[in-house]
Amino acid sequence: MVTPSAGRRARGRGRSSRERARVGAAGGLWYTLGAMGMVSKLLPDAAAALHDLRDGASIAVGGFGLCGNPEACIRAIAASGARRLTIVSNNCGNQGMGLAVLLQQRQVAKVVGSYVGGNPDLEQQMLAGEVEVELNPQGTLAERMRAGGAGIEAFYTPTGAGTVVAEGKDVRIFGGKPCVLETAIRTDFAIVRAAQGDAFGNLRFYRTARNFNPLAAMAGRVTIAEVDELVPSGALDPDDIHLPGIFVQRVIHVPEHANVIEFRTTRPRSAG
């Protein structure tokens, strides 16, 4: 891995800025060291960011339904042809769009999610026994991903106690309530979308797109951030950063998105 201190040593040996602009890759990290010794995680496109995706990988995906989807990364996964994937997401696509393309191409073996409504591809493959589905209460799914990034191996929650959610899990009494043991989620990759980001991976999300995106990013061992607007290092006020770059290994700039709306609901315009 190339670090800023390594960059300082390189400058001390009198290397040119071209020589210093090198790329180092190790353990999923992909850093470019620029002329000023600043670390950049920027890659040219989603295909480059997902170059090491393999069959059987697990992927945490930000977004809620179709809101806040990392569209370019999803297309790159579809184009890669990787199979037997485990997708961790609120819903694996919706209305045949978003992550549903991976289901349509039979690339998914398992879905860990909290909702399957509005997703005929997942419904059909689940009922046919072609895709394994692990349903979680929505807050539990969110906390399992956050726990994975925070280094918490497991936690107890009252959500799901006394239901099928608790079957086969340890249940204990805390505060007079039965609580279910849930384990953290960590995935091989995470793909997320942010409204703004810098080359180090500091991110800001746009309104409701700040849903599962920060949590999915925390859960991934290698997290790829797809940013609408790439800003210079230092442009984001530290107090305004929603997710610090320590959770992000690779960054791509994707200024154009389809931003599909699941159901457009409007009122008739008034006569005046």
Protein backbone atom coordinates (compact mmCIF):
# COMPACT_ATOMS: atom_id res chain seq x y z
CA MET A 1 0.00 0.00 0.00
CA VAL A 2 1.31 3.44 -0.86
CA THR A 3 1.09 5.86 2.06
CA PRO A 4 1.74 9.59 2.47
CA SER A 5 4.89 8.85 4.46
CA ALA A 6 6.15 6.72 1.58
CA GLY A 7 5.48 9.68 -0.68
CA ARG A 8 7.57 11.95 1.54
CA ARG A 9 10.44 9.51 1.41
CA ALA A 10 10.12 9.36 -2.38
CA ARG A 11 10.34 13.14 -2.62
CA GLY A 12 13.41 13.05 -0.41
CA ARG A 13 15.09 10.83 -2.98
CA GLY A 14 14.46 13.46 -5.66
CA ARG A 15 11.93 11.57 -7.75
CA SER A 16 9.91 13.48 -10.32
CA SER A 17 6.19 14.14 -9.97
CA ARG A 18 5.57 11.61 -12.77
CA GLU A 19 7.43 8.94 -10.83
CA ARG A 20 5.51 9.85 -7.67
CA ALA A 21 2.16 9.47 -9.46
CA ARG A 22 2.23 5.72 -9.11
CA VAL A 23 -0.44 3.27 -8.15
CA GLY A 24 -0.19 0.73 -5.36
CA ALA A 25 -2.62 -2.12 -4.80
CA ALA A 26 -2.63 -4.43 -1.79
CA GLY A 27 -5.37 -6.02 0.24
CA GLY A 28 -8.07 -4.41 -1.89
CA LEU A 29 -6.62 -0.91 -1.56
CA TRP A 30 -5.89 1.08 -4.68
CA TYR A 31 -4.13 4.36 -4.03
CA THR A 32 -2.49 6.88 -6.33
CA LEU A 33 0.14 9.12 -4.83
CA GLY A 34 0.06 12.53 -6.47
CA ALA A 35 2.72 15.19 -6.82
CA MET A 36 1.89 16.76 -3.44
CA GLY A 37 1.94 13.43 -1.63
CA MET A 38 -1.86 13.39 -1.31
CA VAL A 39 -3.53 9.98 -1.36
CA SER A 40 -6.09 9.42 -4.13
CA LYS A 41 -8.36 6.39 -4.41
CA LEU A 42 -9.74 7.52 -7.76
CA LEU A 43 -10.13 4.99 -10.57
CA PRO A 44 -11.30 5.65 -14.14
CA ASP A 45 -14.56 3.68 -14.14
CA ALA A 46 -16.66 1.02 -12.45
CA ALA A 47 -15.08 -1.84 -14.40
CA ALA A 48 -11.65 -0.86 -13.10
CA ALA A 49 -12.97 -0.49 -9.56
CA LEU A 50 -14.49 -3.99 -9.70
CA HIS A 51 -11.62 -5.65 -11.58
CA ASP A 52 -11.14 -8.27 -8.85
CA LEU A 53 -14.79 -9.30 -8.46
CA ARG A 54 -15.05 -13.08 -8.58
CA ASP A 55 -17.73 -15.78 -8.56
CA GLY A 56 -19.15 -16.38 -5.10
CA ALA A 57 -18.41 -12.86 -3.80
CA SER A 58 -20.65 -11.09 -1.30
CA ILE A 59 -21.64 -7.48 -2.02
CA ALA A 60 -23.36 -4.92 0.21
CA VAL A 61 -25.30 -2.43 -1.90
CA GLY A 62 -26.49 1.01 -0.86
CA GLY A 63 -29.84 2.43 -1.81
CA PHE A 64 -33.47 1.90 -0.86
CA GLY A 65 -35.40 0.25 -3.67
CA LEU A 66 -34.20 2.35 -6.61
CA CYS A 67 -33.33 5.47 -4.59
CA GLY A 68 -29.60 6.10 -4.23
CA ASN A 69 -28.54 3.12 -6.34
CA PRO A 70 -24.90 2.93 -7.51
CA GLU A 71 -26.04 2.48 -11.11
CA ALA A 72 -22.64 2.33 -12.82
CA CYS A 73 -21.35 -0.29 -10.39
CA ILE A 74 -24.46 -2.41 -10.88
CA ARG A 75 -23.95 -2.29 -14.65
CA ALA A 76 -20.30 -3.27 -14.22
CA ILE A 77 -21.25 -6.27 -12.07
CA ALA A 78 -23.79 -7.33 -14.69
CA ALA A 79 -21.18 -6.99 -17.45
CA SER A 80 -18.59 -8.95 -15.43
CA GLY A 81 -20.65 -12.12 -15.59
CA ALA A 82 -19.72 -13.01 -12.00
CA ARG A 83 -22.00 -15.76 -10.65
CA ARG A 84 -23.21 -17.17 -7.33
CA LEU A 85 -23.20 -13.72 -5.77
CA THR A 86 -24.60 -12.89 -2.34
CA ILE A 87 -26.32 -9.50 -2.38
CA VAL A 88 -26.94 -7.64 0.87
CA SER A 89 -29.43 -4.86 0.21
CA ASN A 90 -32.77 -3.47 1.33
CA ASN A 91 -34.32 -5.00 -1.79
CA CYS A 92 -32.52 -6.66 -4.68
CA GLY A 93 -33.94 -4.28 -7.27
CA ASN A 94 -37.49 -3.19 -7.96
CA GLN A 95 -39.86 -3.27 -10.93
CA GLY A 96 -37.25 -5.15 -12.98
CA MET A 97 -34.68 -2.37 -12.53
CA GLY A 98 -31.60 -1.70 -10.41
CA LEU A 99 -30.17 -4.87 -8.90
CA ALA A 100 -32.93 -6.87 -10.57
CA VAL A 101 -30.76 -7.08 -13.68
CA LEU A 102 -28.44 -9.41 -11.76
CA LEU A 103 -31.41 -11.65 -10.96
CA GLN A 104 -32.51 -11.61 -14.59
CA GLN A 105 -29.04 -12.78 -15.64
CA ARG A 106 -29.04 -15.52 -12.99
CA GLN A 107 -25.97 -14.07 -11.24
CA VAL A 108 -27.38 -14.15 -7.70
CA ALA A 109 -27.37 -17.16 -5.36
CA LYS A 110 -28.49 -15.46 -2.13
CA VAL A 111 -30.16 -12.22 -1.08
CA VAL A 112 -29.94 -10.84 2.46
CA GLY A 113 -32.54 -8.10 2.65
CA SER A 114 -35.54 -6.63 4.41
CA TYR A 115 -38.11 -6.31 1.63
CA VAL A 116 -39.08 -8.25 -1.47
CA GLY A 117 -42.21 -6.35 -2.54
CA GLY A 118 -42.36 -4.89 -6.03
CA ASN A 119 -39.65 -7.30 -7.16
CA PRO A 120 -41.18 -10.00 -9.38
CA ASP A 121 -37.76 -11.35 -10.40
CA LEU A 122 -36.82 -12.09 -6.79
CA GLU A 123 -40.27 -13.40 -5.95
CA GLN A 124 -40.24 -15.88 -8.82
CA GLN A 125 -36.71 -17.15 -8.17
CA MET A 126 -37.31 -17.40 -4.42
CA LEU A 127 -40.50 -19.44 -4.88
CA ALA A 128 -38.74 -21.66 -7.42
CA GLY A 129 -35.90 -22.33 -4.97
CA GLU A 130 -33.35 -20.76 -7.32
CA VAL A 131 -32.29 -17.98 -4.94
CA GLU A 132 -31.93 -18.23 -1.17
CA VAL A 133 -33.53 -15.30 0.65
CA GLU A 134 -32.72 -14.28 4.21
CA LEU A 135 -35.23 -11.70 5.41
CA ASN A 136 -34.36 -9.33 8.26
CA PRO A 137 -36.34 -6.68 10.05
CA GLN A 138 -35.26 -3.44 8.40
CA GLY A 139 -33.62 -1.89 11.45
CA THR A 140 -31.85 -5.17 12.21
CA LEU A 141 -30.40 -5.29 8.69
CA ALA A 142 -29.17 -1.71 9.06
CA GLU A 143 -27.57 -2.42 12.44
CA ARG A 144 -25.97 -5.66 11.26
CA MET A 145 -24.16 -3.74 8.50
CA ARG A 146 -23.19 -0.91 10.83
CA ALA A 147 -21.91 -3.43 13.38
CA GLY A 148 -19.75 -5.03 10.72
CA GLY A 149 -18.02 -1.72 10.08
CA ALA A 150 -17.76 -0.82 13.77
CA GLY A 151 -16.04 -4.06 14.76
CA ILE A 152 -19.01 -5.36 16.77
CA GLU A 153 -19.35 -9.09 16.17
CA ALA A 154 -22.92 -9.45 17.45
CA PHE A 155 -25.64 -7.65 19.38
CA TYR A 156 -28.99 -8.33 21.04
CA THR A 157 -32.22 -6.68 19.91
CA PRO A 158 -35.85 -7.09 21.00
CA THR A 159 -36.93 -6.84 17.36
CA GLY A 160 -38.18 -10.21 16.13
CA ALA A 161 -38.38 -11.88 19.56
CA GLY A 162 -41.19 -14.40 19.68
CA THR A 163 -41.40 -14.64 15.88
CA VAL A 164 -39.83 -16.78 13.15
CA VAL A 165 -36.98 -14.24 13.08
CA ALA A 166 -35.77 -15.64 16.41
CA GLU A 167 -35.82 -19.29 15.36
CA GLY A 168 -32.44 -20.96 15.88
CA LYS A 169 -30.96 -17.84 17.53
CA ASP A 170 -29.96 -17.19 21.13
CA VAL A 171 -32.62 -15.27 23.07
CA ARG A 172 -31.89 -13.63 26.42
CA ILE A 173 -33.70 -11.25 28.75
CA PHE A 174 -32.39 -7.68 28.96
CA GLY A 175 -34.35 -4.92 30.68
CA GLY A 176 -37.19 -7.35 31.19
CA LYS A 177 -37.50 -7.97 27.44
CA PRO A 178 -36.56 -11.04 25.39
CA CYS A 179 -33.80 -10.04 22.95
CA VAL A 180 -32.51 -11.90 19.90
CA LEU A 181 -28.81 -12.33 19.14
CA GLU A 182 -27.95 -11.00 15.68
CA THR A 183 -24.52 -11.23 14.05
CA ALA A 184 -22.63 -8.55 12.15
CA ILE A 185 -22.57 -8.46 8.35
CA ARG A 186 -19.27 -8.06 6.53
CA THR A 187 -19.01 -8.46 2.77
CA ASP A 188 -16.21 -8.86 0.26
CA PHE A 189 -17.32 -5.69 -1.56
CA ALA A 190 -19.66 -2.78 -1.03
CA ILE A 191 -20.93 -0.44 -3.73
CA VAL A 192 -22.49 2.88 -2.78
CA ARG A 193 -23.54 6.15 -4.38
CA ALA A 194 -22.84 9.61 -2.98
CA ALA A 195 -23.80 13.09 -4.16
CA GLN A 196 -20.33 14.48 -3.42
CA GLY A 197 -16.99 12.93 -2.67
CA ASP A 198 -13.28 13.64 -2.85
CA ALA A 199 -10.43 11.45 -4.05
CA PHE A 200 -9.80 10.14 -0.53
CA GLY A 201 -13.38 8.85 -0.27
CA ASN A 202 -14.96 11.36 2.09
CA LEU A 203 -18.64 11.33 1.12
CA ARG A 204 -21.86 13.32 1.32
CA PHE A 205 -25.21 11.76 0.38
CA TYR A 206 -28.26 13.47 -1.11
CA ARG A 207 -31.30 13.54 1.16
CA THR A 208 -33.07 10.15 1.22
CA ALA A 209 -30.15 8.52 -0.64
CA ARG A 210 -28.53 8.68 2.79
CA ASN A 211 -30.41 5.51 3.61
CA PHE A 212 -28.45 2.27 3.49
CA ASN A 213 -25.51 3.81 1.64
CA PRO A 214 -23.33 4.73 4.67
CA LEU A 215 -24.10 1.41 6.36
CA ALA A 216 -23.34 -0.68 3.28
CA ALA A 217 -20.06 1.21 2.88
CA MET A 218 -19.08 0.34 6.44
CA ALA A 219 -19.80 -3.36 5.91
CA GLY A 220 -17.57 -3.85 2.87
CA ARG A 221 -13.98 -5.00 3.06
CA VAL A 222 -13.48 -3.24 -0.28
CA THR A 223 -15.89 -0.34 -0.71
CA ILE A 224 -16.38 1.42 -4.04
CA ALA A 225 -17.96 4.86 -3.90
CA GLU A 226 -19.69 6.13 -7.04
CA VAL A 227 -19.89 9.92 -6.70
CA ASP A 228 -22.05 12.32 -8.70
CA GLU A 229 -19.73 15.27 -8.08
CA LEU A 230 -16.00 14.88 -7.47
CA VAL A 231 -14.71 17.75 -5.36
CA PRO A 232 -11.12 18.74 -4.51
CA SER A 233 -9.55 17.46 -1.31
CA GLY A 234 -10.43 19.85 1.50
CA ALA A 235 -13.57 21.17 -0.21
CA LEU A 236 -15.85 19.24 2.16
CA ASP A 237 -16.09 20.75 5.63
CA PRO A 238 -15.22 18.01 8.15
CA ASP A 239 -18.49 18.66 9.99
CA ASP A 240 -20.46 18.11 6.77
CA ILE A 241 -18.97 14.74 5.84
CA HIS A 242 -21.54 11.94 6.19
CA LEU A 243 -19.04 9.09 5.79
CA PRO A 244 -15.28 9.48 6.29
CA GLY A 245 -12.92 8.10 3.68
CA ILE A 246 -11.47 5.53 6.08
CA PHE A 247 -14.41 3.30 5.05
CA VAL A 248 -13.81 3.73 1.30
CA GLN A 249 -11.08 2.01 -0.73
CA ARG A 250 -11.96 3.05 -4.29
CA VAL A 251 -13.70 6.07 -5.83
CA ILE A 252 -15.19 6.60 -9.29
CA HIS A 253 -16.71 9.77 -10.72
CA VAL A 254 -20.09 9.16 -12.38
CA PRO A 255 -21.79 12.49 -13.13
CA GLU A 256 -24.81 11.08 -15.01
CA HIS A 257 -27.45 8.70 -13.62
CA ALA A 258 -30.89 7.57 -14.77
CA ASN A 259 -32.42 8.26 -11.32
CA VAL A 260 -35.39 6.03 -12.02
CA ILE A 261 -38.57 6.78 -10.07
CA GLU A 262 -40.45 3.65 -9.00
CA PHE A 263 -43.93 5.17 -8.96
CA ARG A 264 -44.53 8.72 -10.15
CA THR A 265 -47.50 10.22 -8.35
CA THR A 266 -48.73 13.64 -9.40
CA ARG A 267 -51.80 15.84 -8.99
CA PRO A 268 -53.65 17.45 -11.92
CA ARG A 269 -52.57 21.05 -12.46
CA SER A 270 -55.09 23.62 -11.30
CA ALA A 271 -56.95 25.57 -13.97
CA GLY A 272 -55.25 28.89 -13.33
